């Protein structure tokens, strides 16, 4: 895959920037997922947390984590635990 222009959307060489067989819903879903990941990474940085180990830990724990304790996975809680 190759990035299309300045955006984050993937496109394929020779497609001329067209979506090919993918429809608009797939494009919006892909952009939403990319924006979510970008937001998580950019939220960790001002809290003094290295995004890579924090996000790795969150992704490893989130499947078995109780929704009522989701605040334990936030970057500022991670920074407090790491200190």
C-alpha atoms as a PDB file:
ATOM      1  CA  UNK A   1       0.000   0.000   0.000  1.00  0.00           C
ATOM      2  CA  UNK A   2       1.041   3.520  -0.690  1.00  0.00           C
ATOM      3  CA  UNK A   3      -0.342   6.643   0.982  1.00  0.00           C
ATOM      4  CA  UNK A   4      -2.550   8.847  -1.180  1.00  0.00           C
ATOM      5  CA  UNK A   5      -1.364  12.428  -1.205  1.00  0.00           C
ATOM      6  CA  UNK A   6      -1.233  14.161   2.153  1.00  0.00           C
ATOM      7  CA  UNK A   7      -4.050  12.048   3.644  1.00  0.00           C
ATOM      8  CA  UNK A   8      -3.764   8.881   5.642  1.00  0.00           C
ATOM      9  CA  UNK A   9      -5.959   6.839   3.329  1.00  0.00           C
ATOM     10  CA  UNK A  10      -4.328   3.862   1.679  1.00  0.00           C
ATOM     11  CA  UNK A  11      -4.510   3.494  -2.064  1.00  0.00           C
ATOM     12  CA  UNK A  12      -2.957   1.128  -4.488  1.00  0.00           C
ATOM     13  CA  UNK A  13      -0.391   1.951  -7.177  1.00  0.00           C
ATOM     14  CA  UNK A  14      -2.054   2.469 -10.514  1.00  0.00           C
ATOM     15  CA  UNK A  15      -5.422   3.267  -8.958  1.00  0.00           C
ATOM     16  CA  UNK A  16      -4.933   6.965  -9.537  1.00  0.00           C
ATOM     17  CA  UNK A  17      -6.175   7.706  -6.022  1.00  0.00           C
ATOM     18  CA  UNK A  18      -9.478   5.918  -6.641  1.00  0.00           C
ATOM     19  CA  UNK A  19     -10.952   3.669  -4.016  1.00  0.00           C
ATOM     20  CA  UNK A  20     -11.180   0.683  -6.312  1.00  0.00           C
ATOM     21  CA  UNK A  21     -13.516  -1.974  -4.918  1.00  0.00           C
ATOM     22  CA  UNK A  22     -13.852  -0.276  -1.536  1.00  0.00           C
ATOM     23  CA  UNK A  23     -16.891   1.867  -0.914  1.00  0.00           C
ATOM     24  CA  UNK A  24     -17.423   5.021   1.097  1.00  0.00           C
ATOM     25  CA  UNK A  25     -18.297   3.163   4.311  1.00  0.00           C
ATOM     26  CA  UNK A  26     -14.959   1.359   4.265  1.00  0.00           C
ATOM     27  CA  UNK A  27     -13.168   4.661   3.716  1.00  0.00           C
ATOM     28  CA  UNK A  28     -14.932   6.353   6.618  1.00  0.00           C
ATOM     29  CA  UNK A  29     -14.305   3.359   8.900  1.00  0.00           C
ATOM     30  CA  UNK A  30     -10.616   3.363   8.011  1.00  0.00           C
ATOM     31  CA  UNK A  31     -10.295   7.102   8.647  1.00  0.00           C
ATOM     32  CA  UNK A  32     -12.135   6.795  11.964  1.00  0.00           C
ATOM     33  CA  UNK A  33      -9.773   4.031  13.117  1.00  0.00           C
ATOM     34  CA  UNK A  34      -6.734   6.061  12.063  1.00  0.00           C
ATOM     35  CA  UNK A  35      -8.021   9.155  13.852  1.00  0.00           C
ATOM     36  CA  UNK A  36      -8.712   7.135  16.996  1.00  0.00           C
ATOM     37  CA  UNK A  37      -5.167   5.744  17.044  1.00  0.00           C
ATOM     38  CA  UNK A  38      -3.686   9.191  16.370  1.00  0.00           C
ATOM     39  CA  UNK A  39      -5.766  10.714  19.187  1.00  0.00           C
ATOM     40  CA  UNK A  40      -4.645   8.049  21.648  1.00  0.00           C
ATOM     41  CA  UNK A  41      -0.990   8.578  20.762  1.00  0.00           C
ATOM     42  CA  UNK A  42      -1.237  12.362  20.919  1.00  0.00           C
ATOM     43  CA  UNK A  43      -3.038  12.170  24.281  1.00  0.00           C
ATOM     44  CA  UNK A  44      -0.213  10.145  25.786  1.00  0.00           C
ATOM     45  CA  UNK A  45       2.548  12.586  24.805  1.00  0.00           C
ATOM     46  CA  UNK A  46       1.477  15.637  26.892  1.00  0.00           C
ATOM     47  CA  UNK A  47       1.019  13.338  29.882  1.00  0.00           C
ATOM     48  CA  UNK A  48       4.698  12.379  29.750  1.00  0.00           C
ATOM     49  CA  UNK A  49       3.986   8.840  28.588  1.00  0.00           C
ATOM     50  CA  UNK A  50       5.867   7.087  25.806  1.00  0.00           C
ATOM     51  CA  UNK A  51       2.989   6.085  23.487  1.00  0.00           C
ATOM     52  CA  UNK A  52       4.412   2.784  22.266  1.00  0.00           C
ATOM     53  CA  UNK A  53       4.708   0.880  25.586  1.00  0.00           C
ATOM     54  CA  UNK A  54       1.494   2.454  26.914  1.00  0.00           C
ATOM     55  CA  UNK A  55      -0.528   1.504  23.832  1.00  0.00           C
ATOM     56  CA  UNK A  56       1.011  -1.977  23.764  1.00  0.00           C
ATOM     57  CA  UNK A  57      -0.013  -2.474  27.388  1.00  0.00           C
ATOM     58  CA  UNK A  58      -3.526  -1.140  26.799  1.00  0.00           C
ATOM     59  CA  UNK A  59      -4.101  -3.338  23.768  1.00  0.00           C
ATOM     60  CA  UNK A  60      -2.842  -6.355  25.698  1.00  0.00           C
ATOM     61  CA  UNK A  61      -5.127  -5.723  28.680  1.00  0.00           C
ATOM     62  CA  UNK A  62      -8.293  -4.221  27.207  1.00  0.00           C
ATOM     63  CA  UNK A  63      -9.992  -7.474  26.136  1.00  0.00           C
ATOM     64  CA  UNK A  64     -10.135  -8.804  29.712  1.00  0.00           C
ATOM     65  CA  UNK A  65     -10.537  -5.431  31.438  1.00  0.00           C
ATOM     66  CA  UNK A  66     -13.835  -4.493  33.098  1.00  0.00           C
ATOM     67  CA  UNK A  67     -15.610  -1.573  31.461  1.00  0.00           C
ATOM     68  CA  UNK A  68     -16.319  -0.060  34.873  1.00  0.00           C
ATOM     69  CA  UNK A  69     -12.555   0.261  35.441  1.00  0.00           C
ATOM     70  CA  UNK A  70     -11.612   1.573  31.990  1.00  0.00           C
ATOM     71  CA  UNK A  71     -10.119   4.714  33.558  1.00  0.00           C
ATOM     72  CA  UNK A  72      -7.205   2.565  34.758  1.00  0.00           C
ATOM     73  CA  UNK A  73      -6.021   2.316  31.150  1.00  0.00           C
ATOM     74  CA  UNK A  74      -5.782   6.080  30.547  1.00  0.00           C
ATOM     75  CA  UNK A  75      -2.319   7.556  29.951  1.00  0.00           C
ATOM     76  CA  UNK A  76      -2.205   9.720  33.091  1.00  0.00           C
ATOM     77  CA  UNK A  77      -2.961   6.653  35.241  1.00  0.00           C
ATOM     78  CA  UNK A  78      -0.201   4.770  33.427  1.00  0.00           C
ATOM     79  CA  UNK A  79       2.233   7.615  34.149  1.00  0.00           C
ATOM     80  CA  UNK A  80       1.345   7.515  37.847  1.00  0.00           C
ATOM     81  CA  UNK A  81       1.844   3.735  38.009  1.00  0.00           C
ATOM     82  CA  UNK A  82       5.166   3.884  36.149  1.00  0.00           C
ATOM     83  CA  UNK A  83       6.567   6.575  38.456  1.00  0.00           C
END
